[in-house]
Amino acid sequence: MTGPGEHPLVGAVRPLVDAMGAEILPPDQAQPDDVVLSWEGDEVLAVRLPQLSDSLDHILAAMERRHGMPLPSLDRRAKQSVVRTLEARGAFSVRHGVETVAQALGVSRFTVYNYLNREKGL
């Protein structure tokens, strides 16, 4: 759903949809788990939310873009900051979240747990 005749609602929600790793679809293609958005009573678009595991991969890719380098290349302080951000976004509530983050950062699970515990003052 793009183009010159794009509805203003599509343009308004696109940054949020992209940040979540979701997908915009025409409302007639909506499945039961999709979110259909209306404008003045007319269905305009459907948003297909990503699976949680896909969301974590999307968030990690965004963190890499934000830092401008591969996550394993970050220094310890930057990696700790990434872990804090990921914790705030619920990354560790996803099954295998710690393992996924550890692999993405190029550290061990133990190191990720240390970063988490240090933040909590344990």
N, C-alpha and C. Protein backbone atom coordinates (compact mmCIF):
# COMPACT_ATOMS: atom_id res chain seq x y z
N MET A 1 0.83 -1.18 0.00
CA MET A 1 0.00 0.00 0.00
C MET A 1 0.87 1.24 0.00
N THR A 2 1.28 1.62 -1.15
CA THR A 2 2.07 2.84 -1.28
C THR A 2 1.63 3.56 -2.54
N GLY A 3 2.07 4.77 -2.69
CA GLY A 3 1.81 5.47 -3.93
C GLY A 3 1.26 6.86 -3.70
N PRO A 4 1.07 7.59 -4.81
CA PRO A 4 0.64 8.97 -4.72
C PRO A 4 -0.75 9.13 -4.11
N GLY A 5 -1.65 8.15 -4.30
CA GLY A 5 -2.99 8.24 -3.75
C GLY A 5 -3.10 7.63 -2.37
N GLU A 6 -2.00 7.46 -1.70
CA GLU A 6 -1.98 6.83 -0.38
C GLU A 6 -2.82 7.62 0.61
N HIS A 7 -3.61 6.92 1.38
CA HIS A 7 -4.46 7.55 2.40
C HIS A 7 -3.57 8.15 3.48
N PRO A 8 -3.95 9.31 4.04
CA PRO A 8 -3.12 9.95 5.08
C PRO A 8 -2.88 9.05 6.29
N LEU A 9 -3.81 8.16 6.60
CA LEU A 9 -3.62 7.27 7.75
C LEU A 9 -2.45 6.32 7.51
N VAL A 10 -2.28 5.88 6.27
CA VAL A 10 -1.17 4.98 5.94
C VAL A 10 0.16 5.69 6.21
N GLY A 11 0.27 6.92 5.72
CA GLY A 11 1.49 7.68 5.95
C GLY A 11 1.74 7.96 7.42
N ALA A 12 0.65 8.17 8.17
CA ALA A 12 0.78 8.49 9.60
C ALA A 12 1.27 7.29 10.40
N VAL A 13 0.81 6.08 10.07
CA VAL A 13 1.17 4.91 10.88
C VAL A 13 2.41 4.18 10.35
N ARG A 14 2.84 4.50 9.13
CA ARG A 14 3.97 3.77 8.54
C ARG A 14 5.22 3.78 9.42
N PRO A 15 5.65 4.91 10.01
CA PRO A 15 6.86 4.86 10.85
C PRO A 15 6.71 3.90 12.03
N LEU A 16 5.54 3.86 12.64
CA LEU A 16 5.31 2.94 13.75
C LEU A 16 5.32 1.50 13.27
N VAL A 17 4.65 1.24 12.17
CA VAL A 17 4.59 -0.12 11.60
C VAL A 17 6.00 -0.59 11.25
N ASP A 18 6.79 0.28 10.62
CA ASP A 18 8.16 -0.09 10.25
C ASP A 18 9.02 -0.33 11.49
N ALA A 19 8.85 0.49 12.52
CA ALA A 19 9.64 0.33 13.75
C ALA A 19 9.33 -0.99 14.44
N MET A 20 8.11 -1.46 14.31
CA MET A 20 7.71 -2.73 14.95
C MET A 20 8.06 -3.93 14.08
N GLY A 21 8.40 -3.69 12.82
CA GLY A 21 8.63 -4.82 11.92
C GLY A 21 7.32 -5.43 11.45
N ALA A 22 6.25 -4.65 11.49
CA ALA A 22 4.93 -5.12 11.08
C ALA A 22 4.78 -4.90 9.57
N GLU A 23 3.59 -5.21 9.06
CA GLU A 23 3.32 -5.11 7.64
C GLU A 23 1.97 -4.45 7.42
N ILE A 24 1.89 -3.53 6.47
CA ILE A 24 0.63 -2.89 6.11
C ILE A 24 0.02 -3.64 4.94
N LEU A 25 -1.27 -3.94 5.07
CA LEU A 25 -2.01 -4.67 4.03
C LEU A 25 -3.33 -3.96 3.75
N PRO A 26 -3.92 -4.24 2.58
CA PRO A 26 -5.28 -3.76 2.36
C PRO A 26 -6.23 -4.44 3.36
N PRO A 27 -7.26 -3.75 3.80
CA PRO A 27 -8.15 -4.33 4.82
C PRO A 27 -8.83 -5.62 4.38
N ASP A 28 -9.05 -5.80 3.08
CA ASP A 28 -9.72 -7.03 2.62
C ASP A 28 -8.80 -8.25 2.70
N GLN A 29 -7.52 -8.04 2.98
CA GLN A 29 -6.58 -9.15 3.14
C GLN A 29 -6.30 -9.46 4.61
N ALA A 30 -7.02 -8.79 5.49
CA ALA A 30 -6.79 -8.98 6.93
C ALA A 30 -7.17 -10.38 7.37
N GLN A 31 -6.34 -10.92 8.24
CA GLN A 31 -6.62 -12.20 8.88
C GLN A 31 -7.11 -11.91 10.30
N PRO A 32 -7.65 -12.91 10.99
CA PRO A 32 -8.23 -12.66 12.32
C PRO A 32 -7.29 -11.98 13.32
N ASP A 33 -5.99 -12.24 13.25
CA ASP A 33 -5.06 -11.65 14.21
C ASP A 33 -4.54 -10.28 13.78
N ASP A 34 -4.89 -9.82 12.59
CA ASP A 34 -4.44 -8.51 12.12
C ASP A 34 -5.28 -7.41 12.76
N VAL A 35 -4.72 -6.21 12.80
CA VAL A 35 -5.41 -5.05 13.33
C VAL A 35 -5.88 -4.20 12.16
N VAL A 36 -7.19 -4.02 12.04
CA VAL A 36 -7.76 -3.21 10.96
C VAL A 36 -8.01 -1.81 11.50
N LEU A 37 -7.47 -0.81 10.78
CA LEU A 37 -7.63 0.59 11.18
C LEU A 37 -8.62 1.28 10.26
N SER A 38 -9.50 2.06 10.87
CA SER A 38 -10.53 2.77 10.12
C SER A 38 -10.33 4.27 10.23
N TRP A 39 -10.86 4.98 9.24
CA TRP A 39 -10.82 6.43 9.20
C TRP A 39 -12.22 6.90 8.83
N GLU A 40 -12.85 7.61 9.73
CA GLU A 40 -14.20 8.13 9.51
C GLU A 40 -15.16 7.03 9.08
N GLY A 41 -15.05 5.88 9.73
CA GLY A 41 -15.96 4.77 9.49
C GLY A 41 -15.57 3.83 8.36
N ASP A 42 -14.56 4.16 7.57
CA ASP A 42 -14.13 3.31 6.46
C ASP A 42 -12.84 2.58 6.84
N GLU A 43 -12.82 1.27 6.58
CA GLU A 43 -11.59 0.51 6.82
C GLU A 43 -10.56 0.92 5.79
N VAL A 44 -9.38 1.34 6.28
CA VAL A 44 -8.34 1.88 5.40
C VAL A 44 -7.18 0.92 5.22
N LEU A 45 -6.77 0.26 6.29
CA LEU A 45 -5.61 -0.62 6.21
C LEU A 45 -5.67 -1.65 7.32
N ALA A 46 -4.90 -2.69 7.11
CA ALA A 46 -4.72 -3.71 8.14
C ALA A 46 -3.25 -3.76 8.48
N VAL A 47 -2.96 -4.00 9.73
CA VAL A 47 -1.57 -4.13 10.19
C VAL A 47 -1.38 -5.56 10.68
N ARG A 48 -0.42 -6.23 10.06
CA ARG A 48 -0.07 -7.58 10.48
C ARG A 48 1.15 -7.48 11.38
N LEU A 49 0.94 -7.80 12.65
CA LEU A 49 2.01 -7.71 13.64
C LEU A 49 2.98 -8.88 13.47
N PRO A 50 4.25 -8.65 13.72
CA PRO A 50 5.24 -9.72 13.59
C PRO A 50 5.15 -10.70 14.76
N GLN A 51 5.69 -11.88 14.57
CA GLN A 51 5.84 -12.83 15.66
C GLN A 51 6.88 -12.25 16.62
N LEU A 52 6.77 -12.60 17.90
CA LEU A 52 7.70 -12.04 18.89
C LEU A 52 9.16 -12.29 18.54
N SER A 53 9.47 -13.50 18.08
CA SER A 53 10.86 -13.79 17.75
C SER A 53 11.34 -12.94 16.58
N ASP A 54 10.46 -12.67 15.62
CA ASP A 54 10.83 -11.79 14.51
C ASP A 54 11.03 -10.37 15.00
N SER A 55 10.22 -9.96 15.98
CA SER A 55 10.36 -8.61 16.54
C SER A 55 11.73 -8.43 17.17
N LEU A 56 12.21 -9.43 17.89
CA LEU A 56 13.53 -9.33 18.52
C LEU A 56 14.61 -9.18 17.46
N ASP A 57 14.53 -9.96 16.39
CA ASP A 57 15.50 -9.83 15.30
C ASP A 57 15.44 -8.42 14.69
N HIS A 58 14.22 -7.91 14.53
CA HIS A 58 14.04 -6.57 13.96
C HIS A 58 14.64 -5.51 14.89
N ILE A 59 14.42 -5.65 16.19
CA ILE A 59 14.96 -4.70 17.17
C ILE A 59 16.48 -4.75 17.16
N LEU A 60 17.05 -5.94 17.10
CA LEU A 60 18.51 -6.07 17.06
C LEU A 60 19.09 -5.42 15.81
N ALA A 61 18.43 -5.61 14.68
CA ALA A 61 18.90 -4.97 13.45
C ALA A 61 18.82 -3.45 13.56
N ALA A 62 17.76 -2.95 14.19
CA ALA A 62 17.63 -1.50 14.38
C ALA A 62 18.72 -0.98 15.31
N MET A 63 19.05 -1.75 16.35
CA MET A 63 20.11 -1.33 17.27
C MET A 63 21.45 -1.26 16.53
N GLU A 64 21.67 -2.20 15.65
CA GLU A 64 22.91 -2.20 14.87
C GLU A 64 22.96 -0.97 13.96
N ARG A 65 21.84 -0.65 13.32
CA ARG A 65 21.81 0.55 12.47
C ARG A 65 22.03 1.80 13.31
N ARG A 66 21.44 1.84 14.49
CA ARG A 66 21.58 3.01 15.36
C ARG A 66 23.04 3.24 15.75
N HIS A 67 23.75 2.16 16.02
CA HIS A 67 25.15 2.28 16.45
C HIS A 67 26.11 2.38 15.26
N GLY A 68 25.62 2.06 14.07
CA GLY A 68 26.44 2.21 12.87
C GLY A 68 27.54 1.19 12.72
N MET A 69 27.40 0.08 13.42
CA MET A 69 28.41 -0.98 13.30
C MET A 69 27.81 -2.28 13.82
N PRO A 70 28.43 -3.41 13.48
CA PRO A 70 27.92 -4.68 14.00
C PRO A 70 27.95 -4.67 15.53
N LEU A 71 26.92 -5.23 16.14
CA LEU A 71 26.85 -5.23 17.60
C LEU A 71 28.06 -5.88 18.28
N PRO A 72 28.62 -6.97 17.73
CA PRO A 72 29.81 -7.53 18.39
C PRO A 72 31.01 -6.57 18.43
N SER A 73 31.01 -5.55 17.56
CA SER A 73 32.12 -4.59 17.52
C SER A 73 32.00 -3.49 18.58
N LEU A 74 30.85 -3.41 19.25
CA LEU A 74 30.66 -2.37 20.26
C LEU A 74 31.54 -2.63 21.48
N ASP A 75 31.88 -1.56 22.19
CA ASP A 75 32.63 -1.74 23.43
C ASP A 75 31.68 -2.20 24.53
N ARG A 76 32.23 -2.56 25.67
CA ARG A 76 31.44 -3.13 26.77
C ARG A 76 30.34 -2.19 27.22
N ARG A 77 30.64 -0.93 27.39
CA ARG A 77 29.65 0.03 27.85
C ARG A 77 28.47 0.14 26.86
N ALA A 78 28.77 0.14 25.58
CA ALA A 78 27.71 0.22 24.56
C ALA A 78 26.87 -1.07 24.57
N LYS A 79 27.52 -2.20 24.77
CA LYS A 79 26.78 -3.47 24.84
C LYS A 79 25.86 -3.48 26.07
N GLN A 80 26.33 -2.94 27.18
CA GLN A 80 25.49 -2.85 28.37
C GLN A 80 24.28 -1.95 28.09
N SER A 81 24.49 -0.88 27.37
CA SER A 81 23.40 0.02 27.01
C SER A 81 22.39 -0.69 26.11
N VAL A 82 22.87 -1.48 25.17
CA VAL A 82 21.99 -2.26 24.30
C VAL A 82 21.15 -3.22 25.14
N VAL A 83 21.78 -3.90 26.08
CA VAL A 83 21.05 -4.85 26.94
C VAL A 83 19.99 -4.12 27.75
N ARG A 84 20.30 -2.95 28.29
CA ARG A 84 19.31 -2.18 29.05
C ARG A 84 18.12 -1.80 28.16
N THR A 85 18.41 -1.36 26.96
CA THR A 85 17.35 -0.98 26.03
C THR A 85 16.49 -2.19 25.68
N LEU A 86 17.15 -3.31 25.41
CA LEU A 86 16.42 -4.52 25.06
C LEU A 86 15.57 -5.01 26.24
N GLU A 87 16.09 -4.89 27.44
CA GLU A 87 15.30 -5.31 28.60
C GLU A 87 14.06 -4.43 28.73
N ALA A 88 14.22 -3.12 28.53
CA ALA A 88 13.08 -2.20 28.62
C ALA A 88 12.03 -2.51 27.57
N ARG A 89 12.46 -3.07 26.44
CA ARG A 89 11.52 -3.39 25.36
C ARG A 89 11.00 -4.82 25.45
N GLY A 90 11.35 -5.53 26.51
CA GLY A 90 10.80 -6.86 26.73
C GLY A 90 11.49 -7.99 26.00
N ALA A 91 12.70 -7.75 25.54
CA ALA A 91 13.41 -8.75 24.74
C ALA A 91 13.67 -10.04 25.50
N PHE A 92 13.76 -9.96 26.81
CA PHE A 92 14.12 -11.15 27.57
C PHE A 92 12.90 -11.93 28.05
N SER A 93 11.72 -11.47 27.65
CA SER A 93 10.51 -12.25 27.92
C SER A 93 10.22 -13.22 26.77
N VAL A 94 10.95 -13.07 25.68
CA VAL A 94 10.82 -13.96 24.53
C VAL A 94 11.64 -15.22 24.79
N ARG A 95 11.08 -16.35 24.45
CA ARG A 95 11.82 -17.60 24.65
C ARG A 95 13.15 -17.53 23.91
N HIS A 96 14.20 -17.89 24.56
CA HIS A 96 15.58 -17.87 24.05
C HIS A 96 16.07 -16.44 23.80
N GLY A 97 15.43 -15.46 24.45
CA GLY A 97 15.82 -14.06 24.27
C GLY A 97 17.25 -13.80 24.69
N VAL A 98 17.65 -14.33 25.84
CA VAL A 98 19.02 -14.12 26.32
C VAL A 98 20.02 -14.73 25.34
N GLU A 99 19.74 -15.94 24.88
CA GLU A 99 20.63 -16.60 23.94
C GLU A 99 20.73 -15.82 22.63
N THR A 100 19.60 -15.33 22.14
CA THR A 100 19.58 -14.57 20.89
C THR A 100 20.38 -13.29 21.02
N VAL A 101 20.19 -12.58 22.13
CA VAL A 101 20.90 -11.33 22.36
C VAL A 101 22.40 -11.60 22.55
N ALA A 102 22.73 -12.62 23.31
CA ALA A 102 24.14 -12.95 23.52
C ALA A 102 24.83 -13.23 22.19
N GLN A 103 24.18 -14.00 21.36
CA GLN A 103 24.77 -14.32 20.05
C GLN A 103 24.92 -13.05 19.20
N ALA A 104 23.90 -12.19 19.22
CA ALA A 104 23.96 -10.96 18.44
C ALA A 104 25.07 -10.02 18.91
N LEU A 105 25.32 -10.01 20.23
CA LEU A 105 26.36 -9.15 20.79
C LEU A 105 27.75 -9.77 20.75
N GLY A 106 27.80 -11.07 20.47
CA GLY A 106 29.09 -11.75 20.46
C GLY A 106 29.64 -11.98 21.85
N VAL A 107 28.72 -12.20 22.81
CA VAL A 107 29.12 -12.47 24.19
C VAL A 107 28.42 -13.75 24.66
N SER A 108 28.75 -14.18 25.85
CA SER A 108 28.11 -15.38 26.39
C SER A 108 26.79 -15.01 27.08
N ARG A 109 25.96 -16.01 27.30
CA ARG A 109 24.73 -15.81 28.07
C ARG A 109 25.06 -15.27 29.46
N PHE A 110 26.11 -15.82 30.04
CA PHE A 110 26.56 -15.39 31.37
C PHE A 110 26.84 -13.89 31.39
N THR A 111 27.47 -13.38 30.33
CA THR A 111 27.77 -11.95 30.25
C THR A 111 26.49 -11.13 30.19
N VAL A 112 25.51 -11.58 29.39
CA VAL A 112 24.23 -10.87 29.32
C VAL A 112 23.57 -10.85 30.69
N TYR A 113 23.57 -12.00 31.39
CA TYR A 113 23.00 -12.03 32.74
C TYR A 113 23.75 -11.09 33.68
N ASN A 114 25.06 -11.01 33.53
CA ASN A 114 25.84 -10.07 34.35
C ASN A 114 25.42 -8.63 34.07
N TYR A 115 25.24 -8.28 32.80
CA TYR A 115 24.80 -6.94 32.45
C TYR A 115 23.44 -6.65 33.08
N LEU A 116 22.53 -7.63 33.02
CA LEU A 116 21.19 -7.46 33.58
C LEU A 116 21.26 -7.31 35.10
N ASN A 117 22.05 -8.15 35.76
CA ASN A 117 22.17 -8.09 37.21
C ASN A 117 22.85 -6.81 37.67
N ARG A 118 23.83 -6.34 36.92
CA ARG A 118 24.53 -5.11 37.28
C ARG A 118 23.55 -3.95 37.27
N GLU A 119 22.66 -3.93 36.29
CA GLU A 119 21.67 -2.86 36.17
C GLU A 119 20.72 -2.89 37.37
N LYS A 120 20.41 -4.08 37.85
CA LYS A 120 19.49 -4.22 38.98
C LYS A 120 20.19 -4.05 40.31
N GLY A 121 21.52 -3.89 40.28
CA GLY A 121 22.27 -3.68 41.51
C GLY A 121 22.48 -4.95 42.32
N LEU A 122 22.41 -6.10 41.67
CA LEU A 122 22.60 -7.37 42.39
C LEU A 122 24.07 -7.70 42.53
